[in-house]
Amino acid sequence: MMSLTSYLVLAAILFLLGVFGIIERRNLVGLLISIELMLNSASINFMAFNHYLFPGTVTGQIMTLFVIGLAAAEATLFLAIVFAVYRHYRSINVEQVDHLRG
């Protein structure tokens, strides 16, 4: 059986990979995947804390389901934006889409 620390380390690694992806990636799909990694790390934390601190309750599972729903909605909107950007600029590189700056 894994300890709470193992889950927290795994979640921290996933979160840091997501942050690194957001900083380094210039592709919109890469940014979306990085955001998903960060949301999954939050879900792992919710599940781990629920299992070790409040066993027998379903609060962590409910929060994880909320995060999954939020991620699905976020992915849908983000992909719609990616399609619109690609249709207009013929690229999904965020550095080439500079007309959106204020």
N, C-alpha and C. Protein backbone atom coordinates (compact mmCIF):
# COMPACT_ATOMS: atom_id res chain seq x y z
N MET A 1 0.84 -1.18 0.00
CA MET A 1 0.00 0.00 0.00
C MET A 1 0.88 1.24 0.00
N MET A 2 0.51 2.19 -0.83
CA MET A 2 1.30 3.41 -0.94
C MET A 2 0.93 4.36 0.20
N SER A 3 1.91 5.18 0.59
CA SER A 3 1.67 6.14 1.66
C SER A 3 1.15 7.44 1.07
N LEU A 4 0.70 8.32 1.97
CA LEU A 4 0.20 9.63 1.54
C LEU A 4 1.30 10.42 0.86
N THR A 5 2.50 10.28 1.36
CA THR A 5 3.63 11.02 0.77
C THR A 5 3.85 10.62 -0.68
N SER A 6 3.70 9.35 -0.98
CA SER A 6 3.89 8.89 -2.36
C SER A 6 2.89 9.56 -3.30
N TYR A 7 1.63 9.64 -2.86
CA TYR A 7 0.62 10.29 -3.69
C TYR A 7 0.92 11.78 -3.85
N LEU A 8 1.35 12.40 -2.76
CA LEU A 8 1.64 13.84 -2.84
C LEU A 8 2.83 14.11 -3.75
N VAL A 9 3.84 13.25 -3.71
CA VAL A 9 5.00 13.41 -4.59
C VAL A 9 4.57 13.23 -6.05
N LEU A 10 3.75 12.21 -6.30
CA LEU A 10 3.24 11.99 -7.67
C LEU A 10 2.45 13.20 -8.16
N ALA A 11 1.59 13.74 -7.29
CA ALA A 11 0.79 14.91 -7.68
C ALA A 11 1.68 16.12 -7.91
N ALA A 12 2.70 16.29 -7.07
CA ALA A 12 3.61 17.43 -7.25
C ALA A 12 4.37 17.31 -8.57
N ILE A 13 4.81 16.09 -8.90
CA ILE A 13 5.53 15.89 -10.16
C ILE A 13 4.62 16.20 -11.34
N LEU A 14 3.38 15.71 -11.31
CA LEU A 14 2.44 16.01 -12.39
C LEU A 14 2.16 17.50 -12.51
N PHE A 15 1.98 18.16 -11.36
CA PHE A 15 1.71 19.59 -11.37
C PHE A 15 2.90 20.37 -11.95
N LEU A 16 4.12 19.99 -11.54
CA LEU A 16 5.30 20.68 -12.06
C LEU A 16 5.48 20.42 -13.56
N LEU A 17 5.17 19.21 -14.02
CA LEU A 17 5.22 18.94 -15.46
C LEU A 17 4.22 19.81 -16.21
N GLY A 18 3.04 20.02 -15.60
CA GLY A 18 2.05 20.89 -16.21
C GLY A 18 2.52 22.34 -16.27
N VAL A 19 3.12 22.81 -15.19
CA VAL A 19 3.64 24.18 -15.17
C VAL A 19 4.76 24.33 -16.19
N PHE A 20 5.64 23.34 -16.25
CA PHE A 20 6.73 23.37 -17.22
C PHE A 20 6.18 23.39 -18.65
N GLY A 21 5.15 22.59 -18.89
CA GLY A 21 4.54 22.57 -20.22
C GLY A 21 3.91 23.90 -20.59
N ILE A 22 3.27 24.55 -19.63
CA ILE A 22 2.67 25.86 -19.92
C ILE A 22 3.74 26.89 -20.22
N ILE A 23 4.84 26.82 -19.51
CA ILE A 23 5.91 27.80 -19.73
C ILE A 23 6.63 27.54 -21.05
N GLU A 24 6.88 26.30 -21.37
CA GLU A 24 7.73 25.97 -22.52
C GLU A 24 6.98 25.76 -23.83
N ARG A 25 5.74 25.29 -23.79
CA ARG A 25 5.03 24.94 -25.02
C ARG A 25 4.49 26.19 -25.70
N ARG A 26 4.54 26.22 -27.00
CA ARG A 26 3.96 27.30 -27.77
C ARG A 26 2.81 26.79 -28.63
N ASN A 27 2.49 25.51 -28.51
CA ASN A 27 1.41 24.89 -29.26
C ASN A 27 0.16 24.89 -28.38
N LEU A 28 -0.98 25.26 -28.91
CA LEU A 28 -2.20 25.34 -28.10
C LEU A 28 -2.62 23.98 -27.55
N VAL A 29 -2.43 22.92 -28.32
CA VAL A 29 -2.79 21.59 -27.84
C VAL A 29 -1.85 21.18 -26.70
N GLY A 30 -0.59 21.55 -26.81
CA GLY A 30 0.36 21.27 -25.73
C GLY A 30 -0.02 22.00 -24.45
N LEU A 31 -0.50 23.22 -24.60
CA LEU A 31 -0.97 23.98 -23.44
C LEU A 31 -2.17 23.29 -22.79
N LEU A 32 -3.08 22.79 -23.62
CA LEU A 32 -4.26 22.10 -23.10
C LEU A 32 -3.85 20.85 -22.32
N ILE A 33 -2.92 20.09 -22.85
CA ILE A 33 -2.45 18.88 -22.16
C ILE A 33 -1.78 19.25 -20.84
N SER A 34 -1.04 20.34 -20.82
CA SER A 34 -0.39 20.78 -19.59
C SER A 34 -1.41 21.16 -18.53
N ILE A 35 -2.46 21.85 -18.94
CA ILE A 35 -3.52 22.22 -17.99
C ILE A 35 -4.21 20.97 -17.47
N GLU A 36 -4.41 19.99 -18.34
CA GLU A 36 -5.03 18.74 -17.90
C GLU A 36 -4.15 18.01 -16.88
N LEU A 37 -2.84 18.04 -17.08
CA LEU A 37 -1.94 17.43 -16.09
C LEU A 37 -2.08 18.09 -14.74
N MET A 38 -2.20 19.42 -14.74
CA MET A 38 -2.35 20.13 -13.47
C MET A 38 -3.68 19.79 -12.80
N LEU A 39 -4.74 19.67 -13.58
CA LEU A 39 -6.04 19.30 -12.99
C LEU A 39 -6.00 17.87 -12.45
N ASN A 40 -5.32 16.97 -13.15
CA ASN A 40 -5.21 15.60 -12.66
C ASN A 40 -4.41 15.52 -11.38
N SER A 41 -3.40 16.36 -11.24
CA SER A 41 -2.64 16.36 -9.99
C SER A 41 -3.52 16.84 -8.83
N ALA A 42 -4.40 17.79 -9.09
CA ALA A 42 -5.33 18.22 -8.04
C ALA A 42 -6.29 17.09 -7.67
N SER A 43 -6.73 16.33 -8.66
CA SER A 43 -7.61 15.19 -8.39
C SER A 43 -6.93 14.14 -7.54
N ILE A 44 -5.67 13.87 -7.84
CA ILE A 44 -4.91 12.89 -7.03
C ILE A 44 -4.81 13.37 -5.60
N ASN A 45 -4.57 14.66 -5.41
CA ASN A 45 -4.50 15.19 -4.04
C ASN A 45 -5.84 15.05 -3.32
N PHE A 46 -6.93 15.36 -4.00
CA PHE A 46 -8.25 15.21 -3.38
C PHE A 46 -8.49 13.77 -2.95
N MET A 47 -8.18 12.83 -3.83
CA MET A 47 -8.41 11.41 -3.52
C MET A 47 -7.50 10.93 -2.40
N ALA A 48 -6.22 11.34 -2.43
CA ALA A 48 -5.28 10.88 -1.40
C ALA A 48 -5.65 11.44 -0.04
N PHE A 49 -5.95 12.72 0.04
CA PHE A 49 -6.32 13.30 1.33
C PHE A 49 -7.62 12.70 1.84
N ASN A 50 -8.56 12.45 0.96
CA ASN A 50 -9.80 11.84 1.39
C ASN A 50 -9.54 10.44 1.94
N HIS A 51 -8.70 9.68 1.28
CA HIS A 51 -8.45 8.30 1.71
C HIS A 51 -7.72 8.24 3.04
N TYR A 52 -6.74 9.11 3.25
CA TYR A 52 -5.92 9.02 4.45
C TYR A 52 -6.43 9.86 5.61
N LEU A 53 -7.08 10.96 5.35
CA LEU A 53 -7.51 11.83 6.44
C LEU A 53 -8.97 11.61 6.83
N PHE A 54 -9.82 11.30 5.86
CA PHE A 54 -11.24 11.12 6.13
C PHE A 54 -11.73 9.82 5.51
N PRO A 55 -11.25 8.69 5.98
CA PRO A 55 -11.68 7.43 5.36
C PRO A 55 -13.18 7.19 5.60
N GLY A 56 -13.81 6.64 4.61
CA GLY A 56 -15.24 6.36 4.73
C GLY A 56 -16.12 7.47 4.21
N THR A 57 -15.56 8.63 3.90
CA THR A 57 -16.35 9.70 3.33
C THR A 57 -16.11 9.77 1.82
N VAL A 58 -16.99 10.46 1.14
CA VAL A 58 -16.88 10.53 -0.32
C VAL A 58 -16.59 11.95 -0.80
N THR A 59 -16.12 12.79 0.09
CA THR A 59 -15.87 14.18 -0.28
C THR A 59 -14.81 14.28 -1.38
N GLY A 60 -13.74 13.51 -1.26
CA GLY A 60 -12.68 13.54 -2.26
C GLY A 60 -13.15 13.06 -3.61
N GLN A 61 -13.97 12.01 -3.60
CA GLN A 61 -14.50 11.51 -4.87
C GLN A 61 -15.41 12.53 -5.53
N ILE A 62 -16.23 13.21 -4.73
CA ILE A 62 -17.13 14.22 -5.29
C ILE A 62 -16.32 15.37 -5.88
N MET A 63 -15.29 15.80 -5.17
CA MET A 63 -14.45 16.87 -5.70
C MET A 63 -13.73 16.42 -6.97
N THR A 64 -13.31 15.16 -7.01
CA THR A 64 -12.64 14.65 -8.20
C THR A 64 -13.62 14.61 -9.38
N LEU A 65 -14.86 14.19 -9.14
CA LEU A 65 -15.85 14.23 -10.21
C LEU A 65 -16.10 15.65 -10.69
N PHE A 66 -16.11 16.60 -9.77
CA PHE A 66 -16.25 18.00 -10.14
C PHE A 66 -15.08 18.45 -11.01
N VAL A 67 -13.86 18.05 -10.65
CA VAL A 67 -12.67 18.41 -11.43
C VAL A 67 -12.73 17.77 -12.81
N ILE A 68 -13.20 16.51 -12.90
CA ILE A 68 -13.32 15.85 -14.19
C ILE A 68 -14.33 16.58 -15.07
N GLY A 69 -15.45 16.99 -14.50
CA GLY A 69 -16.44 17.75 -15.26
C GLY A 69 -15.90 19.09 -15.70
N LEU A 70 -15.16 19.75 -14.81
CA LEU A 70 -14.54 21.03 -15.15
C LEU A 70 -13.52 20.84 -16.26
N ALA A 71 -12.75 19.77 -16.20
CA ALA A 71 -11.75 19.51 -17.23
C ALA A 71 -12.40 19.23 -18.58
N ALA A 72 -13.51 18.52 -18.57
CA ALA A 72 -14.21 18.24 -19.83
C ALA A 72 -14.75 19.52 -20.44
N ALA A 73 -15.34 20.37 -19.61
CA ALA A 73 -15.85 21.65 -20.12
C ALA A 73 -14.71 22.53 -20.62
N GLU A 74 -13.61 22.54 -19.88
CA GLU A 74 -12.45 23.34 -20.28
C GLU A 74 -11.88 22.83 -21.59
N ALA A 75 -11.78 21.52 -21.75
CA ALA A 75 -11.24 20.96 -22.99
C ALA A 75 -12.14 21.29 -24.17
N THR A 76 -13.45 21.24 -23.97
CA THR A 76 -14.38 21.56 -25.04
C THR A 76 -14.23 23.00 -25.50
N LEU A 77 -14.22 23.92 -24.56
CA LEU A 77 -14.07 25.33 -24.91
C LEU A 77 -12.71 25.61 -25.53
N PHE A 78 -11.68 25.01 -24.96
CA PHE A 78 -10.32 25.25 -25.45
C PHE A 78 -10.16 24.72 -26.88
N LEU A 79 -10.71 23.53 -27.15
CA LEU A 79 -10.61 22.99 -28.50
C LEU A 79 -11.41 23.82 -29.49
N ALA A 80 -12.54 24.38 -29.06
CA ALA A 80 -13.29 25.28 -29.95
C ALA A 80 -12.45 26.52 -30.27
N ILE A 81 -11.75 27.04 -29.28
CA ILE A 81 -10.88 28.19 -29.53
C ILE A 81 -9.73 27.80 -30.45
N VAL A 82 -9.17 26.60 -30.25
CA VAL A 82 -8.07 26.13 -31.11
C VAL A 82 -8.55 26.03 -32.55
N PHE A 83 -9.74 25.47 -32.78
CA PHE A 83 -10.26 25.36 -34.14
C PHE A 83 -10.48 26.73 -34.76
N ALA A 84 -11.02 27.66 -33.98
CA ALA A 84 -11.25 29.01 -34.50
C ALA A 84 -9.94 29.70 -34.83
N VAL A 85 -8.94 29.55 -33.96
CA VAL A 85 -7.63 30.16 -34.22
C VAL A 85 -7.00 29.53 -35.44
N TYR A 86 -7.07 28.21 -35.57
CA TYR A 86 -6.47 27.54 -36.73
C TYR A 86 -7.18 27.95 -38.02
N ARG A 87 -8.49 28.08 -37.97
CA ARG A 87 -9.24 28.47 -39.16
C ARG A 87 -8.85 29.88 -39.62
N HIS A 88 -8.57 30.75 -38.67
CA HIS A 88 -8.25 32.13 -39.02
C HIS A 88 -6.77 32.32 -39.38
N TYR A 89 -5.85 31.70 -38.60
CA TYR A 89 -4.42 31.95 -38.78
C TYR A 89 -3.68 30.81 -39.47
N ARG A 90 -4.30 29.67 -39.65
CA ARG A 90 -3.67 28.47 -40.22
C ARG A 90 -2.47 28.01 -39.39
N SER A 91 -2.51 28.26 -38.10
CA SER A 91 -1.45 27.83 -37.19
C SER A 91 -2.03 27.81 -35.78
N ILE A 92 -1.48 26.94 -34.93
CA ILE A 92 -1.88 26.93 -33.52
C ILE A 92 -0.71 27.31 -32.63
N ASN A 93 0.31 27.90 -33.22
CA ASN A 93 1.44 28.40 -32.46
C ASN A 93 1.05 29.72 -31.82
N VAL A 94 1.16 29.82 -30.51
CA VAL A 94 0.70 31.01 -29.81
C VAL A 94 1.55 32.24 -30.12
N GLU A 95 2.78 32.04 -30.57
CA GLU A 95 3.61 33.19 -30.90
C GLU A 95 3.23 33.80 -32.24
N GLN A 96 2.61 33.02 -33.12
CA GLN A 96 2.18 33.54 -34.40
C GLN A 96 0.81 34.20 -34.32
N VAL A 97 0.11 33.96 -33.25
CA VAL A 97 -1.22 34.56 -33.06
C VAL A 97 -1.05 35.78 -32.17
N ASP A 98 -0.53 36.83 -32.73
CA ASP A 98 -0.26 38.02 -31.93
C ASP A 98 -1.28 39.13 -32.15
N HIS A 99 -2.28 38.88 -32.98
CA HIS A 99 -3.31 39.89 -33.20
C HIS A 99 -4.30 39.96 -32.04
N LEU A 100 -4.26 39.00 -31.15
CA LEU A 100 -5.20 39.00 -30.02
C LEU A 100 -4.70 39.86 -28.87
N ARG A 101 -3.48 40.33 -28.93
CA ARG A 101 -2.95 41.16 -27.85
C ARG A 101 -3.65 42.51 -27.83
N GLY A 102 -3.85 43.03 -26.62
CA GLY A 102 -4.56 44.28 -26.48
C GLY A 102 -3.73 45.50 -26.71
